[in-house]
Amino acid sequence: MTLAFFVSATIFACFLAEECEEKRRNRWYLMGALSASIATLIKGPVGFIIPTLVLAIFNGLRVDRAS
């Protein structure tokens, strides 16, 4: 359950970072990195591989709204 919490927190923080302005973006990315590092300490590389894959797929499928 702890791993699931921190993996979900990583994904959510990075999603919010993509949706925020520049000033708050760095804080959300820092929170995501902190969550990923704790998840990695709990279960090893799974803690950052799963969020990385989810976010890569999300950004790959995302249609840029600015265009």
PDB file of N, CA and C in Angstrom:
ATOM      1  N   MET A   1       0.826  -1.186   0.000  1.00  0.00           N
ATOM      2  CA  MET A   1       0.000   0.000   0.000  1.00  0.00           C
ATOM      3  C   MET A   1       0.874   1.254   0.000  1.00  0.00           C
ATOM      4  N   THR A   2       1.976   1.205   0.678  1.00  0.00           N
ATOM      5  CA  THR A   2       2.853   2.371   0.718  1.00  0.00           C
ATOM      6  C   THR A   2       3.440   2.653  -0.657  1.00  0.00           C
ATOM      7  N   LEU A   3       3.846   1.605  -1.346  1.00  0.00           N
ATOM      8  CA  LEU A   3       4.375   1.781  -2.700  1.00  0.00           C
ATOM      9  C   LEU A   3       3.314   2.372  -3.613  1.00  0.00           C
ATOM     10  N   ALA A   4       2.102   1.854  -3.548  1.00  0.00           N
ATOM     11  CA  ALA A   4       1.016   2.366  -4.387  1.00  0.00           C
ATOM     12  C   ALA A   4       0.745   3.838  -4.098  1.00  0.00           C
ATOM     13  N   PHE A   5       0.811   4.218  -2.833  1.00  0.00           N
ATOM     14  CA  PHE A   5       0.592   5.618  -2.474  1.00  0.00           C
ATOM     15  C   PHE A   5       1.640   6.518  -3.108  1.00  0.00           C
ATOM     16  N   PHE A   6       2.916   6.164  -2.964  1.00  0.00           N
ATOM     17  CA  PHE A   6       3.974   7.035  -3.474  1.00  0.00           C
ATOM     18  C   PHE A   6       4.063   7.025  -4.996  1.00  0.00           C
ATOM     19  N   VAL A   7       3.757   5.895  -5.634  1.00  0.00           N
ATOM     20  CA  VAL A   7       3.714   5.871  -7.098  1.00  0.00           C
ATOM     21  C   VAL A   7       2.569   6.755  -7.595  1.00  0.00           C
ATOM     22  N   SER A   8       1.421   6.658  -6.956  1.00  0.00           N
ATOM     23  CA  SER A   8       0.280   7.500  -7.339  1.00  0.00           C
ATOM     24  C   SER A   8       0.570   8.973  -7.073  1.00  0.00           C
ATOM     25  N   ALA A   9       1.230   9.260  -5.959  1.00  0.00           N
ATOM     26  CA  ALA A   9       1.591  10.648  -5.647  1.00  0.00           C
ATOM     27  C   ALA A   9       2.563  11.203  -6.678  1.00  0.00           C
ATOM     28  N   THR A  10       3.483  10.380  -7.153  1.00  0.00           N
ATOM     29  CA  THR A  10       4.425  10.810  -8.189  1.00  0.00           C
ATOM     30  C   THR A  10       3.700  11.159  -9.476  1.00  0.00           C
ATOM     31  N   ILE A  11       2.810  10.287  -9.902  1.00  0.00           N
ATOM     32  CA  ILE A  11       2.068  10.509 -11.143  1.00  0.00           C
ATOM     33  C   ILE A  11       1.188  11.736 -11.021  1.00  0.00           C
ATOM     34  N   PHE A  12       0.513  11.886  -9.899  1.00  0.00           N
ATOM     35  CA  PHE A  12      -0.376  13.026  -9.702  1.00  0.00           C
ATOM     36  C   PHE A  12       0.401  14.344  -9.651  1.00  0.00           C
ATOM     37  N   ALA A  13       1.535  14.354  -8.964  1.00  0.00           N
ATOM     38  CA  ALA A  13       2.335  15.578  -8.873  1.00  0.00           C
ATOM     39  C   ALA A  13       2.882  15.985 -10.241  1.00  0.00           C
ATOM     40  N   CYS A  14       3.321  15.028 -11.022  1.00  0.00           N
ATOM     41  CA  CYS A  14       3.827  15.355 -12.358  1.00  0.00           C
ATOM     42  C   CYS A  14       2.708  15.801 -13.285  1.00  0.00           C
ATOM     43  N   PHE A  15       1.530  15.238 -13.143  1.00  0.00           N
ATOM     44  CA  PHE A  15       0.381  15.698 -13.924  1.00  0.00           C
ATOM     45  C   PHE A  15       0.055  17.147 -13.576  1.00  0.00           C
ATOM     46  N   LEU A  16       0.022  17.460 -12.279  1.00  0.00           N
ATOM     47  CA  LEU A  16      -0.248  18.833 -11.861  1.00  0.00           C
ATOM     48  C   LEU A  16       0.841  19.793 -12.324  1.00  0.00           C
ATOM     49  N   ALA A  17       2.078  19.326 -12.366  1.00  0.00           N
ATOM     50  CA  ALA A  17       3.171  20.166 -12.849  1.00  0.00           C
ATOM     51  C   ALA A  17       2.969  20.533 -14.315  1.00  0.00           C
ATOM     52  N   GLU A  18       2.465  19.604 -15.102  1.00  0.00           N
ATOM     53  CA  GLU A  18       2.214  19.886 -16.511  1.00  0.00           C
ATOM     54  C   GLU A  18       1.067  20.871 -16.714  1.00  0.00           C
ATOM     55  N   GLU A  19       0.169  20.937 -15.762  1.00  0.00           N
ATOM     56  CA  GLU A  19      -1.003  21.805 -15.888  1.00  0.00           C
ATOM     57  C   GLU A  19      -0.802  23.189 -15.277  1.00  0.00           C
ATOM     58  N   CYS A  20       0.268  23.407 -14.511  1.00  0.00           N
ATOM     59  CA  CYS A  20       0.484  24.674 -13.793  1.00  0.00           C
ATOM     60  C   CYS A  20       1.378  25.620 -14.574  1.00  0.00           C
ATOM     61  N   GLU A  21       1.431  26.855 -14.057  1.00  0.00           N
ATOM     62  CA  GLU A  21       2.342  27.843 -14.624  1.00  0.00           C
ATOM     63  C   GLU A  21       3.768  27.531 -14.210  1.00  0.00           C
ATOM     64  N   GLU A  22       4.695  28.279 -14.760  1.00  0.00           N
ATOM     65  CA  GLU A  22       6.119  28.018 -14.549  1.00  0.00           C
ATOM     66  C   GLU A  22       6.541  28.081 -13.087  1.00  0.00           C
ATOM     67  N   LYS A  23       6.037  29.043 -12.342  1.00  0.00           N
ATOM     68  CA  LYS A  23       6.493  29.223 -10.964  1.00  0.00           C
ATOM     69  C   LYS A  23       6.116  28.026 -10.081  1.00  0.00           C
ATOM     70  N   ARG A  24       4.907  27.545 -10.212  1.00  0.00           N
ATOM     71  CA  ARG A  24       4.457  26.423  -9.385  1.00  0.00           C
ATOM     72  C   ARG A  24       4.887  25.080  -9.961  1.00  0.00           C
ATOM     73  N   ARG A  25       5.242  25.065 -11.232  1.00  0.00           N
ATOM     74  CA  ARG A  25       5.632  23.820 -11.906  1.00  0.00           C
ATOM     75  C   ARG A  25       6.837  23.167 -11.237  1.00  0.00           C
ATOM     76  N   ASN A  26       7.832  23.969 -10.903  1.00  0.00           N
ATOM     77  CA  ASN A  26       9.036  23.410 -10.275  1.00  0.00           C
ATOM     78  C   ASN A  26       8.736  22.763  -8.932  1.00  0.00           C
ATOM     79  N   ARG A  27       7.814  23.356  -8.181  1.00  0.00           N
ATOM     80  CA  ARG A  27       7.449  22.763  -6.888  1.00  0.00           C
ATOM     81  C   ARG A  27       6.784  21.412  -7.067  1.00  0.00           C
ATOM     82  N   TRP A  28       5.902  21.303  -8.054  1.00  0.00           N
ATOM     83  CA  TRP A  28       5.221  20.028  -8.284  1.00  0.00           C
ATOM     84  C   TRP A  28       6.196  18.969  -8.788  1.00  0.00           C
ATOM     85  N   TYR A  29       7.132  19.360  -9.656  1.00  0.00           N
ATOM     86  CA  TYR A  29       8.141  18.400 -10.104  1.00  0.00           C
ATOM     87  C   TYR A  29       9.038  17.954  -8.946  1.00  0.00           C
ATOM     88  N   LEU A  30       9.350  18.869  -8.047  1.00  0.00           N
ATOM     89  CA  LEU A  30      10.140  18.500  -6.876  1.00  0.00           C
ATOM     90  C   LEU A  30       9.371  17.522  -5.993  1.00  0.00           C
ATOM     91  N   MET A  31       8.071  17.762  -5.820  1.00  0.00           N
ATOM     92  CA  MET A  31       7.242  16.843  -5.043  1.00  0.00           C
ATOM     93  C   MET A  31       7.172  15.466  -5.723  1.00  0.00           C
ATOM     94  N   GLY A  32       7.073  15.453  -7.041  1.00  0.00           N
ATOM     95  CA  GLY A  32       7.068  14.188  -7.773  1.00  0.00           C
ATOM     96  C   GLY A  32       8.378  13.439  -7.637  1.00  0.00           C
ATOM     97  N   ALA A  33       9.488  14.166  -7.694  1.00  0.00           N
ATOM     98  CA  ALA A  33      10.800  13.533  -7.528  1.00  0.00           C
ATOM     99  C   ALA A  33      10.970  12.971  -6.121  1.00  0.00           C
ATOM    100  N   LEU A  34      10.487  13.702  -5.140  1.00  0.00           N
ATOM    101  CA  LEU A  34      10.562  13.226  -3.761  1.00  0.00           C
ATOM    102  C   LEU A  34       9.723  11.957  -3.576  1.00  0.00           C
ATOM    103  N   SER A  35       8.526  11.957  -4.133  1.00  0.00           N
ATOM    104  CA  SER A  35       7.665  10.772  -4.040  1.00  0.00           C
ATOM    105  C   SER A  35       8.283   9.579  -4.762  1.00  0.00           C
ATOM    106  N   ALA A  36       8.865   9.827  -5.932  1.00  0.00           N
ATOM    107  CA  ALA A  36       9.506   8.733  -6.677  1.00  0.00           C
ATOM    108  C   ALA A  36      10.709   8.188  -5.931  1.00  0.00           C
ATOM    109  N   SER A  37      11.442   9.063  -5.272  1.00  0.00           N
ATOM    110  CA  SER A  37      12.611   8.575  -4.531  1.00  0.00           C
ATOM    111  C   SER A  37      12.197   7.744  -3.324  1.00  0.00           C
ATOM    112  N   ILE A  38      11.136   8.127  -2.651  1.00  0.00           N
ATOM    113  CA  ILE A  38      10.656   7.322  -1.523  1.00  0.00           C
ATOM    114  C   ILE A  38      10.130   5.979  -2.019  1.00  0.00           C
ATOM    115  N   ALA A  39       9.399   5.991  -3.145  1.00  0.00           N
ATOM    116  CA  ALA A  39       8.906   4.739  -3.716  1.00  0.00           C
ATOM    117  C   ALA A  39      10.062   3.833  -4.118  1.00  0.00           C
ATOM    118  N   THR A  40      11.138   4.424  -4.621  1.00  0.00           N
ATOM    119  CA  THR A  40      12.308   3.639  -5.003  1.00  0.00           C
ATOM    120  C   THR A  40      12.988   3.038  -3.781  1.00  0.00           C
ATOM    121  N   LEU A  41      13.037   3.783  -2.705  1.00  0.00           N
ATOM    122  CA  LEU A  41      13.609   3.241  -1.472  1.00  0.00           C
ATOM    123  C   LEU A  41      12.770   2.096  -0.920  1.00  0.00           C
ATOM    124  N   ILE A  42      11.465   2.150  -1.158  1.00  0.00           N
ATOM    125  CA  ILE A  42      10.575   1.111  -0.640  1.00  0.00           C
ATOM    126  C   ILE A  42      10.714  -0.181  -1.439  1.00  0.00           C
ATOM    127  N   LYS A  43      10.703  -0.100  -2.771  1.00  0.00           N
ATOM    128  CA  LYS A  43      10.614  -1.316  -3.575  1.00  0.00           C
ATOM    129  C   LYS A  43      11.665  -1.421  -4.675  1.00  0.00           C
ATOM    130  N   GLY A  44      12.584  -0.502  -4.764  1.00  0.00           N
ATOM    131  CA  GLY A  44      13.606  -0.579  -5.806  1.00  0.00           C
ATOM    132  C   GLY A  44      13.187   0.172  -7.059  1.00  0.00           C
ATOM    133  N   PRO A  45      13.741  -0.204  -8.191  1.00  0.00           N
ATOM    134  CA  PRO A  45      13.512   0.532  -9.441  1.00  0.00           C
ATOM    135  C   PRO A  45      12.049   0.618  -9.877  1.00  0.00           C
ATOM    136  N   VAL A  46      11.217  -0.251  -9.364  1.00  0.00           N
ATOM    137  CA  VAL A  46       9.792  -0.193  -9.699  1.00  0.00           C
ATOM    138  C   VAL A  46       9.209   1.162  -9.301  1.00  0.00           C
ATOM    139  N   GLY A  47       9.775   1.775  -8.277  1.00  0.00           N
ATOM    140  CA  GLY A  47       9.274   3.039  -7.765  1.00  0.00           C
ATOM    141  C   GLY A  47       9.391   4.194  -8.726  1.00  0.00           C
ATOM    142  N   PHE A  48      10.330   4.135  -9.671  1.00  0.00           N
ATOM    143  CA  PHE A  48      10.409   5.206 -10.657  1.00  0.00           C
ATOM    144  C   PHE A  48      10.133   4.732 -12.075  1.00  0.00           C
ATOM    145  N   ILE A  49      10.201   3.425 -12.324  1.00  0.00           N
ATOM    146  CA  ILE A  49       9.930   2.921 -13.671  1.00  0.00           C
ATOM    147  C   ILE A  49       8.447   3.023 -14.011  1.00  0.00           C
ATOM    148  N   ILE A  50       7.592   2.622 -13.098  1.00  0.00           N
ATOM    149  CA  ILE A  50       6.146   2.683 -13.369  1.00  0.00           C
ATOM    150  C   ILE A  50       5.675   4.118 -13.608  1.00  0.00           C
ATOM    151  N   PRO A  51       6.000   5.086 -12.740  1.00  0.00           N
ATOM    152  CA  PRO A  51       5.572   6.459 -13.035  1.00  0.00           C
ATOM    153  C   PRO A  51       6.164   7.011 -14.333  1.00  0.00           C
ATOM    154  N   THR A  52       7.406   6.644 -14.636  1.00  0.00           N
ATOM    155  CA  THR A  52       8.024   7.113 -15.869  1.00  0.00           C
ATOM    156  C   THR A  52       7.280   6.596 -17.088  1.00  0.00           C
ATOM    157  N   LEU A  53       6.913   5.323 -17.078  1.00  0.00           N
ATOM    158  CA  LEU A  53       6.169   4.760 -18.204  1.00  0.00           C
ATOM    159  C   LEU A  53       4.785   5.396 -18.337  1.00  0.00           C
ATOM    160  N   VAL A  54       4.101   5.575 -17.210  1.00  0.00           N
ATOM    161  CA  VAL A  54       2.764   6.172 -17.247  1.00  0.00           C
ATOM    162  C   VAL A  54       2.833   7.595 -17.794  1.00  0.00           C
ATOM    163  N   LEU A  55       3.782   8.379 -17.316  1.00  0.00           N
ATOM    164  CA  LEU A  55       3.892   9.769 -17.767  1.00  0.00           C
ATOM    165  C   LEU A  55       4.362   9.867 -19.210  1.00  0.00           C
ATOM    166  N   ALA A  56       5.215   8.944 -19.654  1.00  0.00           N
ATOM    167  CA  ALA A  56       5.646   8.943 -21.055  1.00  0.00           C
ATOM    168  C   ALA A  56       4.469   8.641 -21.981  1.00  0.00           C
ATOM    169  N   ILE A  57       3.651   7.686 -21.602  1.00  0.00           N
ATOM    170  CA  ILE A  57       2.469   7.365 -22.410  1.00  0.00           C
ATOM    171  C   ILE A  57       1.487   8.527 -22.388  1.00  0.00           C
ATOM    172  N   PHE A  58       1.293   9.123 -21.216  1.00  0.00           N
ATOM    173  CA  PHE A  58       0.386  10.275 -21.099  1.00  0.00           C
ATOM    174  C   PHE A  58       0.836  11.419 -21.996  1.00  0.00           C
ATOM    175  N   ASN A  59       2.115  11.755 -21.949  1.00  0.00           N
ATOM    176  CA  ASN A  59       2.618  12.855 -22.769  1.00  0.00           C
ATOM    177  C   ASN A  59       2.654  12.487 -24.245  1.00  0.00           C
ATOM    178  N   GLY A  60       2.819  11.223 -24.559  1.00  0.00           N
ATOM    179  CA  GLY A  60       2.806  10.797 -25.954  1.00  0.00           C
ATOM    180  C   GLY A  60       1.420  10.851 -26.571  1.00  0.00           C
ATOM    181  N   LEU A  61       0.402  10.554 -25.786  1.00  0.00           N
ATOM    182  CA  LEU A  61      -0.969  10.550 -26.302  1.00  0.00           C
ATOM    183  C   LEU A  61      -1.667  11.894 -26.176  1.00  0.00           C
ATOM    184  N   ARG A  62      -1.094  12.777 -25.405  1.00  0.00           N
ATOM    185  CA  ARG A  62      -1.713  14.069 -25.128  1.00  0.00           C
ATOM    186  C   ARG A  62      -1.685  14.966 -26.361  1.00  0.00           C
ATOM    187  N   VAL A  63      -2.806  15.562 -26.651  1.00  0.00           N
ATOM    188  CA  VAL A  63      -2.894  16.521 -27.737  1.00  0.00           C
ATOM    189  C   VAL A  63      -2.586  17.889 -27.165  1.00  0.00           C
ATOM    190  N   ASP A  64      -1.627  18.569 -27.758  1.00  0.00           N
ATOM    191  CA  ASP A  64      -1.238  19.882 -27.256  1.00  0.00           C
ATOM    192  C   ASP A  64      -2.356  20.882 -27.505  1.00  0.00           C
ATOM    193  N   ARG A  65      -2.851  21.473 -26.424  1.00  0.00           N
ATOM    194  CA  ARG A  65      -3.967  22.412 -26.521  1.00  0.00           C
ATOM    195  C   ARG A  65      -3.551  23.776 -27.041  1.00  0.00           C
ATOM    196  N   ALA A  66      -2.254  24.079 -26.997  1.00  0.00           N
ATOM    197  CA  ALA A  66      -1.782  25.387 -27.429  1.00  0.00           C
ATOM    198  C   ALA A  66      -1.753  25.500 -28.959  1.00  0.00           C
ATOM    199  N   SER A  67      -1.663  24.399 -29.658  1.00  0.00           N
ATOM    200  CA  SER A  67      -1.567  24.435 -31.118  1.00  0.00           C
ATOM    201  C   SER A  67      -2.904  24.676 -31.767  1.00  0.00           C
TER     202      SER A  67
END
